Amino acid sequence: SRDLLHVLDLPLLVGFLWPLGDRRRQ
């Protein structure tokens, strides 16, 4: 389910890059 939720990370790839600035790197 978590892998399928990566659809949330796709718009402009922002979600995939979010760990770069996230405290827990999520």
PDB file of all heavy atoms in Angstrom:
ATOM      1  N   SER A   1       0.836  -1.206   0.000  1.00  0.00           N
ATOM      2  CA  SER A   1       0.000   0.000   0.000  1.00  0.00           C
ATOM      3  C   SER A   1       0.866   1.250   0.000  1.00  0.00           C
ATOM      4  O   SER A   1       0.573   2.222  -0.696  1.00  0.00           O
ATOM      5  CB  SER A   1      -0.909   0.016   1.224  1.00  0.00           C
ATOM      6  OG  SER A   1      -1.798  -1.061   1.184  1.00  0.00           O
ATOM      7  N   ARG A   2       1.934   1.234   0.769  1.00  0.00           N
ATOM      8  CA  ARG A   2       2.846   2.373   0.815  1.00  0.00           C
ATOM      9  C   ARG A   2       3.455   2.623  -0.556  1.00  0.00           C
ATOM     10  O   ARG A   2       3.575   3.768  -0.995  1.00  0.00           O
ATOM     11  CB  ARG A   2       3.952   2.130   1.837  1.00  0.00           C
ATOM     12  CG  ARG A   2       4.997   3.225   1.875  1.00  0.00           C
ATOM     13  CD  ARG A   2       6.187   2.792   2.716  1.00  0.00           C
ATOM     14  NE  ARG A   2       7.295   3.695   2.531  1.00  0.00           N
ATOM     15  CZ  ARG A   2       8.208   3.581   1.575  1.00  0.00           C
ATOM     16  NH1 ARG A   2       8.149   2.589   0.705  1.00  0.00           N
ATOM     17  NH2 ARG A   2       9.192   4.459   1.484  1.00  0.00           N
ATOM     18  N   ASP A   3       3.833   1.547  -1.253  1.00  0.00           N
ATOM     19  CA  ASP A   3       4.375   1.715  -2.605  1.00  0.00           C
ATOM     20  C   ASP A   3       3.348   2.372  -3.525  1.00  0.00           C
ATOM     21  O   ASP A   3       3.696   3.227  -4.336  1.00  0.00           O
ATOM     22  CB  ASP A   3       4.804   0.368  -3.183  1.00  0.00           C
ATOM     23  CG  ASP A   3       6.282   0.098  -2.972  1.00  0.00           C
ATOM     24  OD1 ASP A   3       6.906   0.788  -2.143  1.00  0.00           O
ATOM     25  OD2 ASP A   3       6.811  -0.788  -3.661  1.00  0.00           O
ATOM     26  N   LEU A   4       2.093   1.963  -3.410  1.00  0.00           N
ATOM     27  CA  LEU A   4       1.042   2.578  -4.230  1.00  0.00           C
ATOM     28  C   LEU A   4       0.836   4.046  -3.851  1.00  0.00           C
ATOM     29  O   LEU A   4       0.495   4.873  -4.697  1.00  0.00           O
ATOM     30  CB  LEU A   4      -0.259   1.798  -4.097  1.00  0.00           C
ATOM     31  CG  LEU A   4      -0.237   0.385  -4.683  1.00  0.00           C
ATOM     32  CD1 LEU A   4      -1.538  -0.346  -4.363  1.00  0.00           C
ATOM     33  CD2 LEU A   4       0.021   0.407  -6.180  1.00  0.00           C
ATOM     34  N   LEU A   5       1.063   4.373  -2.591  1.00  0.00           N
ATOM     35  CA  LEU A   5       0.918   5.758  -2.142  1.00  0.00           C
ATOM     36  C   LEU A   5       1.982   6.687  -2.734  1.00  0.00           C
ATOM     37  O   LEU A   5       1.851   7.909  -2.663  1.00  0.00           O
ATOM     38  CB  LEU A   5       0.973   5.835  -0.609  1.00  0.00           C
ATOM     39  CG  LEU A   5      -0.286   5.388   0.117  1.00  0.00           C
ATOM     40  CD1 LEU A   5      -0.018   5.267   1.615  1.00  0.00           C
ATOM     41  CD2 LEU A   5      -1.434   6.340  -0.153  1.00  0.00           C
ATOM     42  N   HIS A   6       3.009   6.106  -3.329  1.00  0.00           N
ATOM     43  CA  HIS A   6       4.036   6.952  -3.953  1.00  0.00           C
ATOM     44  C   HIS A   6       3.462   7.773  -5.095  1.00  0.00           C
ATOM     45  O   HIS A   6       4.114   8.689  -5.590  1.00  0.00           O
ATOM     46  CB  HIS A   6       5.234   6.123  -4.418  1.00  0.00           C
ATOM     47  CG  HIS A   6       6.213   5.871  -3.325  1.00  0.00           C
ATOM     48  ND1 HIS A   6       6.865   6.879  -2.646  1.00  0.00           N
ATOM     49  CD2 HIS A   6       6.651   4.725  -2.780  1.00  0.00           C
ATOM     50  CE1 HIS A   6       7.657   6.357  -1.739  1.00  0.00           C
ATOM     51  NE2 HIS A   6       7.539   5.049  -1.785  1.00  0.00           N
ATOM     52  N   VAL A   7       2.234   7.480  -5.504  1.00  0.00           N
ATOM     53  CA  VAL A   7       1.540   8.315  -6.486  1.00  0.00           C
ATOM     54  C   VAL A   7       1.452   9.751  -5.947  1.00  0.00           C
ATOM     55  O   VAL A   7       1.486  10.708  -6.705  1.00  0.00           O
ATOM     56  CB  VAL A   7       0.163   7.693  -6.787  1.00  0.00           C
ATOM     57  CG1 VAL A   7      -0.979   8.622  -6.637  1.00  0.00           C
ATOM     58  CG2 VAL A   7       0.155   7.065  -8.134  1.00  0.00           C
ATOM     59  N   LEU A   8       1.396   9.888  -4.624  1.00  0.00           N
ATOM     60  CA  LEU A   8       1.373  11.217  -4.008  1.00  0.00           C
ATOM     61  C   LEU A   8       2.689  11.960  -4.217  1.00  0.00           C
ATOM     62  O   LEU A   8       2.732  13.192  -4.147  1.00  0.00           O
ATOM     63  CB  LEU A   8       1.100  11.102  -2.502  1.00  0.00           C
ATOM     64  CG  LEU A   8      -0.204  10.453  -2.068  1.00  0.00           C
ATOM     65  CD1 LEU A   8      -0.212  10.228  -0.559  1.00  0.00           C
ATOM     66  CD2 LEU A   8      -1.378  11.305  -2.494  1.00  0.00           C
ATOM     67  N   ASP A   9       3.752  11.221  -4.445  1.00  0.00           N
ATOM     68  CA  ASP A   9       5.076  11.829  -4.592  1.00  0.00           C
ATOM     69  C   ASP A   9       5.352  12.292  -6.026  1.00  0.00           C
ATOM     70  O   ASP A   9       6.305  13.014  -6.271  1.00  0.00           O
ATOM     71  CB  ASP A   9       6.165  10.825  -4.182  1.00  0.00           C
ATOM     72  CG  ASP A   9       6.074  10.455  -2.719  1.00  0.00           C
ATOM     73  OD1 ASP A   9       5.722  11.317  -1.909  1.00  0.00           O
ATOM     74  OD2 ASP A   9       6.360   9.291  -2.395  1.00  0.00           O
ATOM     75  N   LEU A  10       4.539  11.849  -6.979  1.00  0.00           N
ATOM     76  CA  LEU A  10       4.825  12.096  -8.387  1.00  0.00           C
ATOM     77  C   LEU A  10       4.670  13.532  -8.875  1.00  0.00           C
ATOM     78  O   LEU A  10       5.482  13.968  -9.679  1.00  0.00           O
ATOM     79  CB  LEU A  10       3.990  11.162  -9.272  1.00  0.00           C
ATOM     80  CG  LEU A  10       4.437   9.705  -9.240  1.00  0.00           C
ATOM     81  CD1 LEU A  10       3.474   8.854 -10.037  1.00  0.00           C
ATOM     82  CD2 LEU A  10       5.841   9.547  -9.758  1.00  0.00           C
ATOM     83  N   PRO A  11       3.652  14.298  -8.458  1.00  0.00           N
ATOM     84  CA  PRO A  11       3.519  15.639  -9.036  1.00  0.00           C
ATOM     85  C   PRO A  11       4.800  16.450  -8.871  1.00  0.00           C
ATOM     86  O   PRO A  11       5.246  16.725  -7.765  1.00  0.00           O
ATOM     87  CB  PRO A  11       2.360  16.265  -8.263  1.00  0.00           C
ATOM     88  CG  PRO A  11       1.563  15.101  -7.776  1.00  0.00           C
ATOM     89  CD  PRO A  11       2.575  14.005  -7.516  1.00  0.00           C
ATOM     90  N   LEU A  12       5.384  16.756  -9.983  1.00  0.00           N
ATOM     91  CA  LEU A  12       6.633  17.528 -10.042  1.00  0.00           C
ATOM     92  C   LEU A  12       7.778  16.879  -9.267  1.00  0.00           C
ATOM     93  O   LEU A  12       8.774  17.518  -8.976  1.00  0.00           O
ATOM     94  CB  LEU A  12       6.415  18.954  -9.540  1.00  0.00           C
ATOM     95  CG  LEU A  12       5.330  19.767 -10.251  1.00  0.00           C
ATOM     96  CD1 LEU A  12       5.141  21.102  -9.569  1.00  0.00           C
ATOM     97  CD2 LEU A  12       5.681  19.954 -11.715  1.00  0.00           C
ATOM     98  N   LEU A  13       7.633  15.625  -8.900  1.00  0.00           N
ATOM     99  CA  LEU A  13       8.633  14.869  -8.131  1.00  0.00           C
ATOM    100  C   LEU A  13       8.930  15.484  -6.767  1.00  0.00           C
ATOM    101  O   LEU A  13       9.905  15.125  -6.115  1.00  0.00           O
ATOM    102  CB  LEU A  13       9.926  14.705  -8.933  1.00  0.00           C
ATOM    103  CG  LEU A  13       9.790  13.973 -10.264  1.00  0.00           C
ATOM    104  CD1 LEU A  13      11.132  13.926 -10.976  1.00  0.00           C
ATOM    105  CD2 LEU A  13       9.250  12.578 -10.076  1.00  0.00           C
ATOM    106  N   VAL A  14       8.086  16.408  -6.333  1.00  0.00           N
ATOM    107  CA  VAL A  14       8.311  17.091  -5.053  1.00  0.00           C
ATOM    108  C   VAL A  14       8.351  16.096  -3.903  1.00  0.00           C
ATOM    109  O   VAL A  14       9.196  16.184  -3.019  1.00  0.00           O
ATOM    110  CB  VAL A  14       7.225  18.173  -4.811  1.00  0.00           C
ATOM    111  CG1 VAL A  14       7.337  18.758  -3.414  1.00  0.00           C
ATOM    112  CG2 VAL A  14       7.337  19.249  -5.857  1.00  0.00           C
ATOM    113  N   GLY A  15       7.445  15.121  -3.920  1.00  0.00           N
ATOM    114  CA  GLY A  15       7.393  14.153  -2.833  1.00  0.00           C
ATOM    115  C   GLY A  15       8.644  13.314  -2.719  1.00  0.00           C
ATOM    116  O   GLY A  15       9.082  12.963  -1.621  1.00  0.00           O
ATOM    117  N   PHE A  16       9.254  12.980  -3.873  1.00  0.00           N
ATOM    118  CA  PHE A  16      10.483  12.193  -3.842  1.00  0.00           C
ATOM    119  C   PHE A  16      11.661  13.015  -3.341  1.00  0.00           C
ATOM    120  O   PHE A  16      12.609  12.478  -2.781  1.00  0.00           O
ATOM    121  CB  PHE A  16      10.807  11.624  -5.225  1.00  0.00           C
ATOM    122  CG  PHE A  16       9.882  10.518  -5.640  1.00  0.00           C
ATOM    123  CD1 PHE A  16       9.025  10.671  -6.709  1.00  0.00           C
ATOM    124  CD2 PHE A  16       9.861   9.312  -4.956  1.00  0.00           C
ATOM    125  CE1 PHE A  16       8.172   9.654  -7.094  1.00  0.00           C
ATOM    126  CE2 PHE A  16       9.014   8.283  -5.324  1.00  0.00           C
ATOM    127  CZ  PHE A  16       8.162   8.461  -6.403  1.00  0.00           C
ATOM    128  N   LEU A  17      11.603  14.318  -3.553  1.00  0.00           N
ATOM    129  CA  LEU A  17      12.685  15.191  -3.083  1.00  0.00           C
ATOM    130  C   LEU A  17      12.436  15.706  -1.665  1.00  0.00           C
ATOM    131  O   LEU A  17      13.340  16.238  -1.031  1.00  0.00           O
ATOM    132  CB  LEU A  17      12.848  16.380  -4.043  1.00  0.00           C
ATOM    133  CG  LEU A  17      13.224  16.004  -5.478  1.00  0.00           C
ATOM    134  CD1 LEU A  17      13.239  17.241  -6.355  1.00  0.00           C
ATOM    135  CD2 LEU A  17      14.560  15.296  -5.526  1.00  0.00           C
ATOM    136  N   TRP A  18      11.232  15.529  -1.162  1.00  0.00           N
ATOM    137  CA  TRP A  18      10.863  16.033   0.169  1.00  0.00           C
ATOM    138  C   TRP A  18      11.806  15.566   1.276  1.00  0.00           C
ATOM    139  O   TRP A  18      12.118  16.341   2.191  1.00  0.00           O
ATOM    140  CB  TRP A  18       9.420  15.635   0.479  1.00  0.00           C
ATOM    141  CG  TRP A  18       8.818  16.452   1.567  1.00  0.00           C
ATOM    142  CD1 TRP A  18       8.710  16.101   2.886  1.00  0.00           C
ATOM    143  CD2 TRP A  18       8.255  17.747   1.460  1.00  0.00           C
ATOM    144  NE1 TRP A  18       8.095  17.096   3.599  1.00  0.00           N
ATOM    145  CE2 TRP A  18       7.815  18.129   2.739  1.00  0.00           C
ATOM    146  CE3 TRP A  18       8.081  18.637   0.396  1.00  0.00           C
ATOM    147  CZ2 TRP A  18       7.217  19.353   2.986  1.00  0.00           C
ATOM    148  CZ3 TRP A  18       7.486  19.857   0.643  1.00  0.00           C
ATOM    149  CH2 TRP A  18       7.061  20.193   1.917  1.00  0.00           C
ATOM    150  N   PRO A  19      12.301  14.321   1.245  1.00  0.00           N
ATOM    151  CA  PRO A  19      13.204  13.892   2.325  1.00  0.00           C
ATOM    152  C   PRO A  19      14.467  14.738   2.464  1.00  0.00           C
ATOM    153  O   PRO A  19      15.105  14.726   3.516  1.00  0.00           O
ATOM    154  CB  PRO A  19      13.567  12.453   1.938  1.00  0.00           C
ATOM    155  CG  PRO A  19      12.424  11.986   1.113  1.00  0.00           C
ATOM    156  CD  PRO A  19      11.968  13.204   0.359  1.00  0.00           C
ATOM    157  N   LEU A  20      14.828  15.467   1.425  1.00  0.00           N
ATOM    158  CA  LEU A  20      16.023  16.306   1.512  1.00  0.00           C
ATOM    159  C   LEU A  20      15.891  17.392   2.586  1.00  0.00           C
ATOM    160  O   LEU A  20      16.882  17.808   3.169  1.00  0.00           O
ATOM    161  CB  LEU A  20      16.327  16.948   0.152  1.00  0.00           C
ATOM    162  CG  LEU A  20      16.807  15.986  -0.922  1.00  0.00           C
ATOM    163  CD1 LEU A  20      16.827  16.676  -2.273  1.00  0.00           C
ATOM    164  CD2 LEU A  20      18.187  15.448  -0.571  1.00  0.00           C
ATOM    165  N   GLY A  21      14.659  17.827   2.855  1.00  0.00           N
ATOM    166  CA  GLY A  21      14.469  18.876   3.851  1.00  0.00           C
ATOM    167  C   GLY A  21      13.608  18.469   5.027  1.00  0.00           C
ATOM    168  O   GLY A  21      13.328  19.297   5.886  1.00  0.00           O
ATOM    169  N   ASP A  22      13.208  17.211   5.070  1.00  0.00           N
ATOM    170  CA  ASP A  22      12.324  16.748   6.135  1.00  0.00           C
ATOM    171  C   ASP A  22      13.126  16.263   7.340  1.00  0.00           C
ATOM    172  O   ASP A  22      14.142  15.583   7.173  1.00  0.00           O
ATOM    173  CB  ASP A  22      11.437  15.611   5.605  1.00  0.00           C
ATOM    174  CG  ASP A  22      10.368  15.204   6.591  1.00  0.00           C
ATOM    175  OD1 ASP A  22       9.390  15.962   6.741  1.00  0.00           O
ATOM    176  OD2 ASP A  22      10.508  14.129   7.207  1.00  0.00           O
ATOM    177  N   ARG A  23      12.650  16.591   8.532  1.00  0.00           N
ATOM    178  CA  ARG A  23      13.355  16.210   9.769  1.00  0.00           C
ATOM    179  C   ARG A  23      13.537  14.705   9.868  1.00  0.00           C
ATOM    180  O   ARG A  23      14.583  14.218  10.295  1.00  0.00           O
ATOM    181  CB  ARG A  23      12.568  16.748  10.970  1.00  0.00           C
ATOM    182  CG  ARG A  23      13.141  16.421  12.314  1.00  0.00           C
ATOM    183  CD  ARG A  23      12.327  17.039  13.438  1.00  0.00           C
ATOM    184  NE  ARG A  23      10.941  16.604  13.463  1.00  0.00           N
ATOM    185  CZ  ARG A  23      10.515  15.496  14.084  1.00  0.00           C
ATOM    186  NH1 ARG A  23      11.365  14.742  14.725  1.00  0.00           N
ATOM    187  NH2 ARG A  23       9.244  15.162  14.056  1.00  0.00           N
ATOM    188  N   ARG A  24      12.492  13.940   9.481  1.00  0.00           N
ATOM    189  CA  ARG A  24      12.569  12.476   9.551  1.00  0.00           C
ATOM    190  C   ARG A  24      12.833  11.846   8.181  1.00  0.00           C
ATOM    191  O   ARG A  24      12.745  10.642   8.032  1.00  0.00           O
ATOM    192  CB  ARG A  24      11.281  11.924  10.162  1.00  0.00           C
ATOM    193  CG  ARG A  24      11.199  12.322  11.621  1.00  0.00           C
ATOM    194  CD  ARG A  24       9.927  12.030  12.330  1.00  0.00           C
ATOM    195  NE  ARG A  24       9.139  10.918  11.849  1.00  0.00           N
ATOM    196  CZ  ARG A  24       8.082  10.440  12.473  1.00  0.00           C
ATOM    197  NH1 ARG A  24       7.703  10.971  13.599  1.00  0.00           N
ATOM    198  NH2 ARG A  24       7.402   9.445  11.982  1.00  0.00           N
ATOM    199  N   ARG A  25      13.155  12.690   7.203  1.00  0.00           N
ATOM    200  CA  ARG A  25      13.514  12.255   5.847  1.00  0.00           C
ATOM    201  C   ARG A  25      12.430  11.385   5.212  1.00  0.00           C
ATOM    202  O   ARG A  25      12.719  10.368   4.594  1.00  0.00           O
ATOM    203  CB  ARG A  25      14.861  11.553   5.859  1.00  0.00           C
ATOM    204  CG  ARG A  25      15.967  12.472   6.341  1.00  0.00           C
ATOM    205  CD  ARG A  25      17.303  11.831   6.273  1.00  0.00           C
ATOM    206  NE  ARG A  25      18.311  12.767   6.749  1.00  0.00           N
ATOM    207  CZ  ARG A  25      19.479  12.414   7.216  1.00  0.00           C
ATOM    208  NH1 ARG A  25      19.809  11.144   7.252  1.00  0.00           N
ATOM    209  NH2 ARG A  25      20.330  13.307   7.625  1.00  0.00           N
ATOM    210  N   GLN A  26      11.178  11.797   5.348  1.00  0.00           N
ATOM    211  CA  GLN A  26      10.042  11.044   4.828  1.00  0.00           C
ATOM    212  C   GLN A  26       9.548  11.617   3.501  1.00  0.00           C
ATOM    213  O   GLN A  26       9.532  12.827   3.318  1.00  0.00           O
ATOM    214  CB  GLN A  26       8.872  11.077   5.815  1.00  0.00           C
ATOM    215  CG  GLN A  26       9.107  10.345   7.100  1.00  0.00           C
ATOM    216  CD  GLN A  26       7.959  10.552   8.055  1.00  0.00           C
ATOM    217  OE1 GLN A  26       7.731  11.664   8.512  1.00  0.00           O
ATOM    218  NE2 GLN A  26       7.232   9.483   8.344  1.00  0.00           N
TER     219      GLN A  26
END
